[in-house]
Amino acid sequence: MTSLLTNNAAMTALTTLKSINAQLDMTSNRVSTGQRVSNAADNAAYWSIATTVRSDNASLGAVKDSLGLGSSAVDTAYNGLNSIITDLQNIRAKLQTALTPGVDRSKVQTEITAIQNKMKATADSSTSSGQNWLSVNSATTNTSYQATQNVVAGFSRDATGTVTFSKIAVDVNAIKLYDSNATSVTTAATSGQLFGSTSLTGTALFTGGTADFDAATANEVKFDLTLGDGSTATITLNAATLASAASNLSAVTTTEFIEAINNQIAADVTATPLAGKVSASLDTAGRLTFKTTAAGAGGAGSASRITIQNAAVTATYTKVDVGFGIGVAGTDARTADGSAAGTSTAKGILDTLNGAYAISTINISGLVGTAGDTTLQNIITQVEQALAKVTDAGTKLGANKTQIDGQKVFVDTLMKANDRTIGVLVDADIEEESTKLKALQTQQQLGVQSLSIANTASQNVLSLFR
């Protein structure tokens, strides 16, 4: 039925056109923004999840920045420690030179002082973002000092919305080299330790990295090890005694050499056996080292006092030194004592007093005579201990560096995964939306034409009355 008052066709065409226009607006928005969910009205659940993930990513970005700053601080301290390790090795070499008869120790001290100044300058300049972990002031009045520095390494949110941050702890108190503040600390008892002066691979015996003990070479290493409690053993290393420990007597490795020494110590069944009381090893510089099992004050009667002395070599063998520089059998010896537990004034690794000197205040210019030689040997041992502590500090920082670098990679990967999650939830398929846009634009044109045709229907009726 055709009505002059109600144009049903035009109303239908208008409703269809409004629907098309609404879809066209939505599709145009998706094409222009690249998102199919750009506000809560589009999809409340997806919009809420995407907003939360974006917030998490912003926090992870801050964590990534924190890891970058932490990595820089660790790298700075690590590089400073590496430089100072080299300096300590140089000081040790100078001190060993000073043991040589006729050397002017005041001139050697001039070189040592220069190295000491360089180490302090290196530590003082190892600063990153205002933080210095090698040269510190631990006084309670210095509120900026923290014995443990925490690097923010991770961010998480649980189901209840509680946010937690994981941290990587850097123990500044364990790696500091200089501290302007002195504190009283309890020190543990130490063992007696004897260090060779030269790396085994640097001795004449181990030229090329291995030692030749073939029967034709007639080489022999022979020395007495004695503890303050009277325990003693004679260690003999030659073609006969190494046969069971070395696979090739013409190329005995340092590992086989150390094993052979420890085997002889373990097999000692003398009246006062050395077995279980001392062990041989290589230190970080590759030098032969002997360490007592017992710790505490050394001296006569103490099992923490250890002495090495050359023994008479069998006539058929050639005596070979393994880095201790001890001379004629029975007349030359090296001794080291452990120390008792107690309290001491502690600062950093290099400025803590150990006896009369700290590493930073070593002065050998006035050491003369037999007493001076003994003090100098004790100072060399002190440098060895400091070198071991600085090396340990470097190991700790290296572990922190590895952890931080690994966490940086993980956080970066996690942020990319979150970006993909957001994309899955809210991103529009541009190809699909572009195709849909063209279709809706065509439908819009047809809707306009349909509405125009429907609006002319009443005019056709009126023309019948003309």
Protein backbone atom coordinates (compact mmCIF):
# COMPACT_ATOMS: atom_id res chain seq x y z
CA MET A 1 0.00 0.00 0.00
CA THR A 2 1.22 3.48 -0.89
CA SER A 3 0.61 6.18 1.70
CA LEU A 4 1.03 9.94 1.43
CA LEU A 5 1.60 10.17 5.20
CA THR A 6 4.01 7.27 5.80
CA ASN A 7 6.89 6.43 3.43
CA ASN A 8 7.84 2.93 4.56
CA ALA A 9 10.45 2.44 1.84
CA ALA A 10 12.23 5.68 2.78
CA MET A 11 12.21 4.72 6.49
CA THR A 12 13.75 1.32 5.69
CA ALA A 13 16.37 2.90 3.42
CA LEU A 14 17.20 5.48 6.11
CA THR A 15 17.62 2.81 8.81
CA THR A 16 19.92 0.79 6.55
CA LEU A 17 21.93 3.89 5.69
CA LYS A 18 22.41 4.77 9.37
CA SER A 19 23.66 1.24 10.09
CA ILE A 20 26.08 1.41 7.16
CA ASN A 21 27.35 4.82 8.32
CA ALA A 22 27.93 3.48 11.85
CA GLN A 23 29.90 0.53 10.52
CA LEU A 24 31.78 2.86 8.19
CA ASP A 25 32.76 5.15 11.08
CA MET A 26 33.99 2.16 13.13
CA THR A 27 35.98 0.71 10.22
CA SER A 28 37.46 4.09 9.34
CA ASN A 29 38.59 4.47 12.99
CA ARG A 30 40.24 1.03 12.91
CA VAL A 31 42.06 1.86 9.68
CA SER A 32 43.24 5.25 10.98
CA THR A 33 44.31 4.05 14.48
CA GLY A 34 45.43 0.55 13.56
CA GLN A 35 43.43 -0.82 16.50
CA ARG A 36 40.22 -2.77 16.61
CA VAL A 37 39.97 -2.05 20.38
CA SER A 38 40.94 1.56 20.99
CA ASN A 39 38.72 2.24 24.02
CA ALA A 40 36.73 0.36 26.63
CA ALA A 41 33.53 0.65 24.58
CA ASP A 42 35.04 -1.47 21.79
CA ASN A 43 35.72 -4.47 24.06
CA ALA A 44 35.94 -3.83 27.81
CA ALA A 45 37.75 -7.07 28.68
CA TYR A 46 40.41 -6.82 25.97
CA TRP A 47 40.90 -3.09 26.59
CA SER A 48 41.44 -3.74 30.33
CA ILE A 49 43.98 -6.53 29.73
CA ALA A 50 45.87 -4.53 27.11
CA THR A 51 46.01 -1.47 29.39
CA THR A 52 47.44 -3.57 32.23
CA VAL A 53 50.05 -5.17 29.96
CA ARG A 54 51.05 -1.71 28.65
CA SER A 55 51.50 -0.57 32.24
CA ASP A 56 53.65 -3.63 32.96
CA ASN A 57 55.76 -2.91 29.90
CA ALA A 58 56.34 0.65 31.12
CA SER A 59 57.59 -0.78 34.44
CA LEU A 60 59.78 -3.29 32.60
CA GLY A 61 61.22 -0.41 30.61
CA ALA A 62 62.23 1.24 33.89
CA VAL A 63 63.74 -2.08 35.02
CA LYS A 64 65.72 -2.26 31.78
CA ASP A 65 67.07 1.25 32.42
CA SER A 66 68.00 0.23 35.99
CA LEU A 67 69.84 -2.82 34.68
CA GLY A 68 71.71 -0.59 32.25
CA LEU A 69 72.85 1.69 35.07
CA GLY A 70 73.73 -1.30 37.25
CA SER A 71 75.68 -2.91 34.41
CA SER A 72 77.64 0.30 33.93
CA ALA A 73 78.51 0.47 37.66
CA VAL A 74 79.57 -3.19 37.73
CA ASP A 75 81.66 -2.80 34.56
CA THR A 76 83.41 0.25 36.01
CA ALA A 77 84.27 -1.52 39.28
CA TYR A 78 85.26 -4.70 37.42
CA ASN A 79 87.64 -2.82 35.12
CA GLY A 80 89.14 -1.04 38.13
CA LEU A 81 89.73 -4.36 39.90
CA ASN A 82 91.36 -5.85 36.80
CA SER A 83 93.77 -2.92 36.63
CA ILE A 84 94.61 -3.21 40.32
CA ILE A 85 95.21 -6.98 40.03
CA THR A 86 97.91 -6.18 37.48
CA ASP A 87 99.35 -3.54 39.83
CA LEU A 88 99.47 -6.03 42.72
CA GLN A 89 101.28 -8.52 40.51
CA ASN A 90 103.81 -5.80 39.69
CA ILE A 91 104.29 -5.03 43.41
CA ARG A 92 104.84 -8.72 44.08
CA ALA A 93 107.49 -8.85 41.34
CA LYS A 94 109.25 -5.79 42.80
CA LEU A 95 109.24 -7.35 46.28
CA GLN A 96 110.66 -10.59 44.94
CA THR A 97 113.40 -8.60 43.21
CA ALA A 98 114.16 -6.93 46.54
CA LEU A 99 114.95 -10.36 48.03
CA THR A 100 118.01 -10.58 45.77
CA PRO A 101 121.23 -9.77 47.65
CA GLY A 102 122.73 -6.40 46.71
CA VAL A 103 119.50 -4.83 45.46
CA ASP A 104 118.92 -1.24 46.66
CA ARG A 105 115.57 -1.57 48.41
CA SER A 106 115.06 2.20 48.62
CA LYS A 107 115.04 2.37 44.81
CA VAL A 108 112.64 -0.57 44.64
CA GLN A 109 110.43 1.25 47.16
CA THR A 110 110.32 4.27 44.83
CA GLU A 111 108.77 2.03 42.16
CA ILE A 112 106.39 0.43 44.65
CA THR A 113 105.23 3.85 45.86
CA ALA A 114 104.41 4.85 42.29
CA ILE A 115 102.32 1.68 41.89
CA GLN A 116 100.58 2.31 45.23
CA ASN A 117 99.63 5.83 44.08
CA LYS A 118 98.36 4.46 40.78
CA MET A 119 96.17 1.89 42.54
CA LYS A 120 94.61 4.57 44.76
CA ALA A 121 93.97 6.82 41.75
CA THR A 122 92.39 3.91 39.87
CA ALA A 123 90.07 3.09 42.77
CA ASP A 124 89.13 6.75 43.33
CA SER A 125 88.25 7.23 39.65
CA SER A 126 86.19 4.03 39.31
CA THR A 127 82.97 6.03 39.54
CA SER A 128 79.77 5.46 37.56
CA SER A 129 76.64 7.60 37.94
CA GLY A 130 78.05 9.03 41.16
CA GLN A 131 78.70 5.58 42.65
CA ASN A 132 82.12 4.30 43.63
CA TRP A 133 82.30 0.76 45.00
CA LEU A 134 86.10 0.49 45.28
CA SER A 135 86.96 3.62 47.26
CA VAL A 136 84.29 4.32 49.89
CA ASN A 137 83.48 6.00 53.17
CA SER A 138 81.49 3.59 55.35
CA ALA A 139 81.05 6.01 58.28
CA THR A 140 77.54 6.07 59.73
CA THR A 141 77.44 9.82 59.07
CA ASN A 142 77.74 9.11 55.34
CA THR A 143 74.11 8.33 54.56
CA SER A 144 74.85 7.71 50.87
CA TYR A 145 76.97 4.63 51.61
CA GLN A 146 75.28 1.27 51.33
CA ALA A 147 77.15 -1.92 52.24
CA THR A 148 74.98 -3.77 49.73
CA GLN A 149 73.90 -2.13 46.49
CA ASN A 150 70.70 -3.57 44.97
CA VAL A 151 70.18 -3.42 41.22
CA VAL A 152 66.48 -3.72 40.26
CA ALA A 153 66.40 -6.74 37.96
CA GLY A 154 62.77 -7.74 37.50
CA PHE A 155 59.12 -6.76 37.89
CA SER A 156 56.08 -8.97 38.48
CA ARG A 157 52.39 -8.63 39.31
CA ASP A 158 50.43 -11.45 40.96
CA ALA A 159 46.75 -12.30 40.61
CA THR A 160 45.78 -9.89 43.41
CA GLY A 161 47.56 -6.99 41.72
CA THR A 162 50.48 -6.92 44.19
CA VAL A 163 53.66 -5.69 42.51
CA THR A 164 57.08 -7.05 43.48
CA PHE A 165 60.59 -6.23 42.25
CA SER A 166 63.46 -8.70 42.17
CA LYS A 167 66.96 -7.40 42.83
CA ILE A 168 70.59 -8.36 42.21
CA ALA A 169 72.68 -7.65 45.33
CA VAL A 170 76.25 -6.38 44.96
CA ASP A 171 78.22 -6.78 48.22
CA VAL A 172 80.20 -3.53 48.24
CA ASN A 173 81.60 -4.32 51.67
CA ALA A 174 83.31 -7.42 50.26
CA ILE A 175 84.87 -5.74 47.21
CA LYS A 176 85.90 -2.32 48.56
CA LEU A 177 89.63 -1.67 48.25
CA TYR A 178 89.89 1.58 50.23
CA ASP A 179 87.69 2.85 53.05
CA SER A 180 88.29 6.18 54.76
CA ASN A 181 86.39 4.85 57.79
CA ALA A 182 88.03 2.27 60.09
CA THR A 183 85.93 -0.34 61.92
CA SER A 184 86.79 -3.05 64.41
CA VAL A 185 86.10 -6.56 63.09
CA THR A 186 86.68 -10.11 64.27
CA THR A 187 89.25 -11.94 62.17
CA ALA A 188 89.30 -15.70 61.67
CA ALA A 189 92.40 -17.77 62.33
CA THR A 190 94.45 -18.42 59.19
CA SER A 191 96.57 -21.34 58.03
CA GLY A 192 100.27 -21.25 57.30
CA GLN A 193 100.88 -20.83 53.56
CA LEU A 194 104.07 -20.99 51.52
CA PHE A 195 104.05 -19.58 47.98
CA GLY A 196 106.64 -20.23 45.31
CA SER A 197 108.15 -17.12 43.78
CA THR A 198 107.63 -18.21 40.17
CA SER A 199 104.87 -19.93 38.24
CA LEU A 200 105.75 -23.58 37.66
CA THR A 201 105.43 -23.04 33.92
CA GLY A 202 108.04 -20.28 34.26
CA THR A 203 110.66 -22.48 35.93
CA ALA A 204 113.45 -24.19 34.00
CA LEU A 205 111.93 -27.59 34.78
CA PHE A 206 108.56 -26.82 33.18
CA THR A 207 109.83 -25.12 30.02
CA GLY A 208 107.12 -25.53 27.40
CA GLY A 209 104.45 -26.12 30.03
CA THR A 210 105.47 -29.69 30.95
CA ALA A 211 108.39 -31.16 32.89
CA ASP A 212 110.82 -33.81 31.64
CA PHE A 213 111.48 -36.52 34.23
CA ASP A 214 112.48 -39.20 31.77
CA ALA A 215 115.24 -41.41 33.20
CA ALA A 216 117.68 -40.04 30.64
CA THR A 217 117.26 -36.45 31.93
CA ALA A 218 118.13 -37.39 35.54
CA ASN A 219 116.10 -34.49 36.97
CA GLU A 220 115.03 -34.59 40.62
CA VAL A 221 113.06 -32.30 42.93
CA LYS A 222 113.66 -33.07 46.58
CA PHE A 223 112.73 -31.07 49.66
CA ASP A 224 111.71 -31.45 53.30
CA LEU A 225 108.34 -30.18 54.57
CA THR A 226 108.19 -29.63 58.33
CA LEU A 227 105.45 -28.35 60.64
CA GLY A 228 105.99 -26.60 63.94
CA ASP A 229 104.62 -29.63 65.80
CA GLY A 230 107.46 -31.78 64.49
CA SER A 231 105.58 -33.48 61.66
CA THR A 232 107.88 -33.90 58.70
CA ALA A 233 108.23 -35.61 55.34
CA THR A 234 110.77 -35.67 52.55
CA ILE A 235 109.16 -35.19 49.13
CA THR A 236 111.09 -36.80 46.26
CA LEU A 237 110.05 -36.33 42.63
CA ASN A 238 112.06 -38.13 39.96
CA ALA A 239 111.63 -40.75 37.25
CA ALA A 240 111.03 -43.49 39.82
CA THR A 241 108.51 -41.75 42.07
CA LEU A 242 106.54 -40.08 39.26
CA ALA A 243 106.05 -43.28 37.30
CA SER A 244 102.70 -44.02 38.95
CA ALA A 245 101.33 -40.47 38.72
CA ALA A 246 102.41 -39.32 35.24
CA SER A 247 101.27 -40.84 31.96
CA ASN A 248 104.35 -39.53 30.14
CA LEU A 249 107.56 -38.96 32.11
CA SER A 250 108.91 -36.82 29.28
CA ALA A 251 105.99 -34.41 29.58
CA VAL A 252 104.75 -34.31 33.17
CA THR A 253 101.94 -31.77 33.58
CA THR A 254 101.59 -29.43 36.55
CA THR A 255 98.43 -31.31 37.58
CA GLU A 256 100.32 -34.62 37.66
CA PHE A 257 103.18 -32.94 39.52
CA ILE A 258 100.85 -31.62 42.26
CA GLU A 259 99.10 -34.98 42.48
CA ALA A 260 102.44 -36.75 42.98
CA ILE A 261 103.38 -34.38 45.84
CA ASN A 262 100.03 -34.88 47.59
CA ASN A 263 100.29 -38.66 47.10
CA GLN A 264 103.64 -38.67 48.92
CA ILE A 265 102.27 -36.49 51.72
CA ALA A 266 99.28 -38.84 52.12
CA ALA A 267 101.55 -41.89 52.15
CA ASP A 268 103.83 -40.49 54.87
CA VAL A 269 104.06 -43.03 57.72
CA THR A 270 107.02 -41.63 59.66
CA ALA A 271 107.00 -41.35 63.44
CA THR A 272 105.41 -37.89 63.12
CA PRO A 273 103.58 -38.14 59.81
CA LEU A 274 102.63 -35.15 57.69
CA ALA A 275 99.61 -36.91 56.19
CA GLY A 276 96.40 -34.89 56.52
CA LYS A 277 98.21 -31.86 57.89
CA VAL A 278 99.32 -30.05 54.73
CA SER A 279 98.42 -30.01 51.04
CA ALA A 280 99.98 -28.80 47.80
CA SER A 281 98.20 -26.83 45.08
CA LEU A 282 98.69 -24.13 42.45
CA ASP A 283 97.60 -20.58 43.20
CA THR A 284 95.95 -18.28 40.65
CA ALA A 285 99.38 -17.39 39.26
CA GLY A 286 100.33 -21.04 38.75
CA ARG A 287 102.86 -21.14 41.58
CA LEU A 288 103.42 -24.14 43.81
CA THR A 289 101.74 -23.49 47.17
CA PHE A 290 101.68 -25.41 50.45
CA LYS A 291 98.94 -24.80 53.02
CA THR A 292 98.52 -26.26 56.50
CA THR A 293 95.23 -27.85 57.55
CA ALA A 294 95.54 -26.34 61.02
CA ALA A 295 94.84 -22.65 61.50
CA GLY A 296 95.89 -20.38 64.33
CA ALA A 297 98.98 -18.72 65.74
CA GLY A 298 102.17 -20.16 64.27
CA GLY A 299 105.53 -20.60 65.93
CA ALA A 300 107.39 -23.46 67.53
CA GLY A 301 105.04 -26.31 68.44
CA SER A 302 102.24 -25.11 66.16
CA ALA A 303 100.86 -27.19 63.31
CA SER A 304 100.12 -23.95 61.44
CA ARG A 305 103.83 -23.21 61.02
CA ILE A 306 105.24 -24.73 57.82
CA THR A 307 108.85 -24.80 56.65
CA ILE A 308 110.27 -25.92 53.29
CA GLN A 309 113.94 -26.81 53.00
CA ASN A 310 115.96 -28.44 50.26
CA ALA A 311 117.02 -32.03 50.86
CA ALA A 312 120.21 -33.57 49.54
CA VAL A 313 119.74 -34.83 45.98
CA THR A 314 120.88 -38.32 45.01
CA ALA A 315 124.23 -38.22 43.22
CA THR A 316 122.76 -39.64 40.01
CA TYR A 317 120.23 -36.82 39.71
CA THR A 318 120.36 -33.10 38.91
CA LYS A 319 118.70 -30.86 41.49
CA VAL A 320 115.87 -28.73 40.04
CA ASP A 321 114.20 -25.75 41.74
CA VAL A 322 110.41 -25.35 41.54
CA GLY A 323 110.20 -21.65 42.33
CA PHE A 324 111.05 -21.41 46.04
CA GLY A 325 114.64 -20.27 45.56
CA ILE A 326 115.91 -22.26 48.55
CA GLY A 327 119.59 -23.11 48.40
CA VAL A 328 121.88 -25.74 49.84
CA ALA A 329 120.27 -28.60 51.73
CA GLY A 330 120.11 -28.03 55.46
CA THR A 331 121.22 -24.37 55.39
CA ASP A 332 118.43 -22.47 53.65
CA ALA A 333 114.71 -22.58 54.42
CA ARG A 334 111.41 -20.73 53.95
CA THR A 335 108.91 -20.55 56.81
CA ALA A 336 105.32 -19.29 57.05
CA ASP A 337 103.05 -19.03 60.10
CA GLY A 338 99.30 -18.99 60.45
CA SER A 339 97.64 -16.29 62.53
CA ALA A 340 95.32 -16.51 65.52
CA ALA A 341 91.74 -15.31 65.54
CA GLY A 342 91.19 -11.90 67.04
CA THR A 343 90.07 -8.38 66.29
CA SER A 344 91.63 -5.87 63.95
CA THR A 345 90.96 -2.49 62.47
CA ALA A 346 89.37 -3.16 59.10
CA LYS A 347 89.07 -0.82 56.17
CA GLY A 348 89.33 -1.90 52.56
CA ILE A 349 91.30 -4.81 51.11
CA LEU A 350 94.30 -2.60 50.35
CA ASP A 351 94.30 -0.23 53.34
CA THR A 352 93.61 -2.67 56.19
CA LEU A 353 96.61 -3.10 58.45
CA ASN A 354 98.08 -6.60 58.55
CA GLY A 355 100.85 -6.39 61.10
CA ALA A 356 102.91 -3.26 60.56
CA TYR A 357 101.72 -2.54 57.02
CA ALA A 358 98.71 -2.30 54.77
CA ILE A 359 99.22 -2.88 51.05
CA SER A 360 98.77 0.85 50.58
CA THR A 361 101.55 1.65 53.08
CA ILE A 362 104.18 -1.00 52.32
CA ASN A 363 107.67 0.43 52.75
CA ILE A 364 110.71 -1.81 52.38
CA SER A 365 113.39 0.88 52.18
CA GLY A 366 114.48 0.31 55.79
CA LEU A 367 114.45 -3.50 55.80
CA VAL A 368 117.98 -4.84 56.27
CA GLY A 369 119.70 -7.99 57.47
CA THR A 370 118.12 -11.35 58.29
CA ALA A 371 115.22 -9.72 60.16
CA GLY A 372 114.57 -7.48 57.15
CA ASP A 373 114.52 -10.52 54.84
CA THR A 374 112.00 -12.25 57.11
CA THR A 375 109.78 -9.14 57.19
CA LEU A 376 110.03 -8.84 53.41
CA GLN A 377 108.94 -12.48 52.97
CA ASN A 378 105.97 -11.80 55.26
CA ILE A 379 105.06 -8.74 53.17
CA ILE A 380 105.18 -10.87 50.00
CA THR A 381 102.78 -13.31 51.67
CA GLN A 382 100.56 -10.36 52.60
CA VAL A 383 100.52 -9.20 48.97
CA GLU A 384 99.61 -12.74 47.91
CA GLN A 385 96.68 -12.75 50.30
CA ALA A 386 95.53 -9.32 49.08
CA LEU A 387 95.84 -10.49 45.47
CA ALA A 388 93.68 -13.51 46.28
CA LYS A 389 91.05 -11.26 47.90
CA VAL A 390 90.99 -8.82 44.97
CA THR A 391 90.74 -11.75 42.57
CA ASP A 392 87.82 -13.10 44.62
CA ALA A 393 86.19 -9.65 44.48
CA GLY A 394 86.61 -9.69 40.69
CA THR A 395 84.99 -13.13 40.59
CA LYS A 396 81.99 -11.84 42.54
CA LEU A 397 81.62 -8.82 40.26
CA GLY A 398 81.99 -11.05 37.22
CA ALA A 399 79.11 -13.19 38.50
CA ASN A 400 77.02 -10.04 39.09
CA LYS A 401 77.85 -8.84 35.57
CA THR A 402 76.79 -12.17 34.03
CA GLN A 403 73.54 -12.10 36.01
CA ILE A 404 72.75 -8.51 35.02
CA ASP A 405 73.53 -9.11 31.33
CA GLY A 406 71.36 -12.22 31.30
CA GLN A 407 68.51 -10.35 33.00
CA LYS A 408 68.77 -7.50 30.45
CA VAL A 409 68.26 -10.00 27.62
CA PHE A 410 65.33 -11.62 29.45
CA VAL A 411 63.57 -8.30 30.18
CA ASP A 412 63.98 -7.23 26.56
CA THR A 413 62.50 -10.54 25.38
CA LEU A 414 59.63 -10.23 27.88
CA MET A 415 58.78 -6.71 26.68
CA LYS A 416 58.61 -7.93 23.08
CA ALA A 417 56.37 -10.82 24.15
CA ASN A 418 54.07 -8.33 25.91
CA ASP A 419 53.94 -6.18 22.76
CA ARG A 420 52.83 -9.25 20.81
CA THR A 421 50.17 -9.99 23.43
CA ILE A 422 48.80 -6.45 23.13
CA GLY A 423 48.81 -6.79 19.35
CA VAL A 424 46.78 -10.00 19.47
CA LEU A 425 44.19 -8.33 21.71
CA VAL A 426 43.71 -4.90 20.18
CA ASP A 427 45.42 -4.56 16.79
CA ALA A 428 43.28 -4.40 13.68
CA ASP A 429 43.87 -6.50 10.57
CA ILE A 430 44.49 -3.58 8.19
CA GLU A 431 44.04 -5.66 5.03
CA GLU A 432 40.68 -6.94 6.24
CA GLU A 433 39.55 -3.55 7.50
CA SER A 434 40.60 -1.79 4.25
CA THR A 435 38.61 -4.26 2.19
CA LYS A 436 35.64 -3.84 4.50
CA LEU A 437 35.96 -0.03 4.23
CA LYS A 438 35.68 -0.15 0.45
CA ALA A 439 32.62 -2.42 0.68
CA LEU A 440 30.91 -0.14 3.20
CA GLN A 441 31.63 2.94 1.07
CA THR A 442 29.90 1.19 -1.85
CA GLN A 443 26.99 0.19 0.40
CA GLN A 444 26.74 3.80 1.58
CA GLN A 445 26.43 5.07 -1.99
CA LEU A 446 23.73 2.46 -2.71
CA GLY A 447 21.92 3.39 0.52
CA VAL A 448 21.86 7.06 -0.47
CA GLN A 449 20.46 6.15 -3.89
CA SER A 450 17.84 3.85 -2.32
CA LEU A 451 16.74 6.63 0.03
CA SER A 452 16.51 9.03 -2.91
CA ILE A 453 14.34 6.59 -4.87
CA ALA A 454 12.10 5.95 -1.87
CA ASN A 455 11.60 9.70 -1.37
CA THR A 456 10.30 10.08 -4.96
CA ALA A 457 7.45 7.55 -4.44
CA SER A 458 4.98 10.16 -3.09
CA GLN A 459 5.79 12.46 -6.02
CA ASN A 460 4.74 9.66 -8.38
CA VAL A 461 1.36 9.37 -6.62
CA LEU A 462 0.74 13.12 -6.80
CA SER A 463 1.44 13.12 -10.52
CA LEU A 464 -1.69 10.96 -11.00
CA PHE A 465 -3.84 13.97 -9.96
CA ARG A 466 -2.40 16.42 -12.41
